[in-house]
Protein backbone atom coordinates (compact mmCIF):
# COMPACT_ATOMS: atom_id res chain seq x y z
CA MET A 1 12.40 24.96 2.52
CA THR A 2 9.28 25.83 0.36
CA ALA A 3 6.91 22.92 0.43
CA TYR A 4 3.73 22.22 -1.93
CA ILE A 5 0.73 20.18 -0.98
CA ILE A 6 -1.02 18.72 -4.07
CA ALA A 7 -4.86 17.56 -4.11
CA ARG A 8 -6.59 15.74 -6.29
CA ILE A 9 -10.62 16.38 -5.63
CA ASN A 10 -13.54 14.38 -6.71
CA VAL A 11 -16.27 16.79 -6.25
CA THR A 12 -19.85 15.10 -5.98
CA ASP A 13 -21.91 18.14 -4.22
CA VAL A 14 -20.98 21.14 -6.13
CA GLU A 15 -23.66 23.20 -3.89
CA GLN A 16 -21.96 21.65 -0.73
CA TYR A 17 -18.32 21.82 -2.16
CA LYS A 18 -18.71 25.91 -2.82
CA LYS A 19 -19.25 26.09 1.10
CA TYR A 20 -15.90 24.50 1.55
CA ILE A 21 -14.00 26.57 -0.98
CA ALA A 22 -15.42 29.79 0.45
CA VAL A 23 -13.70 29.20 4.02
CA THR A 24 -10.17 27.75 3.19
CA PRO A 25 -8.45 30.54 1.38
CA GLY A 26 -8.55 32.88 4.72
CA ILE A 27 -7.14 29.57 6.55
CA ILE A 28 -4.48 28.90 4.24
CA GLN A 29 -3.49 32.27 4.23
CA SER A 30 -3.26 32.44 7.39
CA PHE A 31 -0.47 29.62 7.68
CA GLY A 32 1.95 31.28 5.07
CA GLY A 33 0.13 29.38 2.00
CA ARG A 34 -1.17 30.56 -1.54
CA PHE A 35 -3.01 29.07 -3.96
CA ILE A 36 -0.82 28.13 -7.18
CA ALA A 37 -3.55 26.36 -9.31
CA ARG A 38 -7.65 25.70 -8.11
CA GLY A 39 -9.20 23.89 -10.01
CA GLY A 40 -8.12 25.58 -13.59
CA GLU A 41 -8.08 23.47 -16.70
CA THR A 42 -5.57 20.33 -17.16
CA VAL A 43 -4.39 18.41 -19.64
CA THR A 44 -3.31 14.49 -19.09
CA LEU A 45 0.13 14.32 -20.69
CA GLU A 46 1.02 10.84 -19.57
CA GLY A 47 -0.75 7.97 -17.67
CA PRO A 48 -4.79 7.67 -17.06
CA GLU A 49 -6.51 10.93 -17.73
CA GLU A 50 -6.96 12.96 -14.82
CA THR A 51 -10.37 14.22 -14.33
CA ARG A 52 -10.34 15.16 -10.48
CA ARG A 53 -10.18 18.99 -9.85
CA VAL A 54 -6.25 19.42 -8.97
CA VAL A 55 -5.27 21.88 -6.49
CA LEU A 56 -1.66 23.30 -5.65
CA LEU A 57 -0.70 24.86 -2.64
CA GLU A 58 2.40 26.64 -1.65
CA PHE A 59 3.63 26.94 2.02
CA PRO A 60 7.00 28.26 3.75
CA SER A 61 7.93 24.86 4.84
CA LEU A 62 6.79 21.19 5.00
CA GLU A 63 6.10 21.52 8.87
CA ARG A 64 4.05 24.28 8.56
CA ALA A 65 1.69 22.60 5.54
CA VAL A 66 1.49 19.77 7.81
CA GLU A 67 0.41 22.42 10.63
CA TRP A 68 -2.30 24.01 8.15
CA TYR A 69 -3.88 20.28 7.69
CA ASN A 70 -3.65 19.22 11.12
CA SER A 71 -5.03 22.79 12.68
CA GLU A 72 -8.26 23.03 14.39
CA GLU A 73 -9.74 25.82 11.69
CA TYR A 74 -8.74 23.54 8.92
CA GLN A 75 -10.36 20.55 10.28
CA ALA A 76 -13.66 22.76 11.09
CA ALA A 77 -13.91 23.73 7.35
CA LYS A 78 -12.96 19.99 6.06
CA GLN A 79 -16.28 18.96 7.88
CA LEU A 80 -17.87 21.33 5.17
CA ARG A 81 -16.07 18.76 1.89
CA GLU A 82 -17.23 15.31 3.75
CA GLY A 83 -20.06 14.32 1.97
CA ALA A 84 -19.30 16.65 -0.65
CA ALA A 85 -15.87 15.52 -2.32
CA GLU A 86 -13.38 12.66 -1.87
CA ALA A 87 -10.24 14.01 -1.70
CA SER A 88 -6.23 12.68 -1.80
CA PHE A 89 -3.61 15.39 -0.67
CA ILE A 90 0.39 14.65 -0.55
CA VAL A 91 2.56 17.29 0.56
CA THR A 92 6.52 17.57 -0.59
CA ALA A 93 9.01 19.51 0.15
CA GLY A 94 10.38 21.82 -2.70
CA LEU A 95 13.88 22.46 -3.80
């Protein structure tokens, strides 16, 4: 069953964050994932205004999404994000 990762990211160092976003697409793809949305325009329809970068990833399964996040490759890439952004990642199974 397809799964989705929803990430909300507060970028604090754009130049350092660019290094992170340069390496993540290939790692995501190697786990069968793909970007659905990647920091495009957002409009808050209800609740507090969302001012963070919003990213939506699709994976073939919940297990594969978790494998990607915990992989050595992604954990190394994640280090590039440290000090450049604060993030919240959640994964949910699709229908």
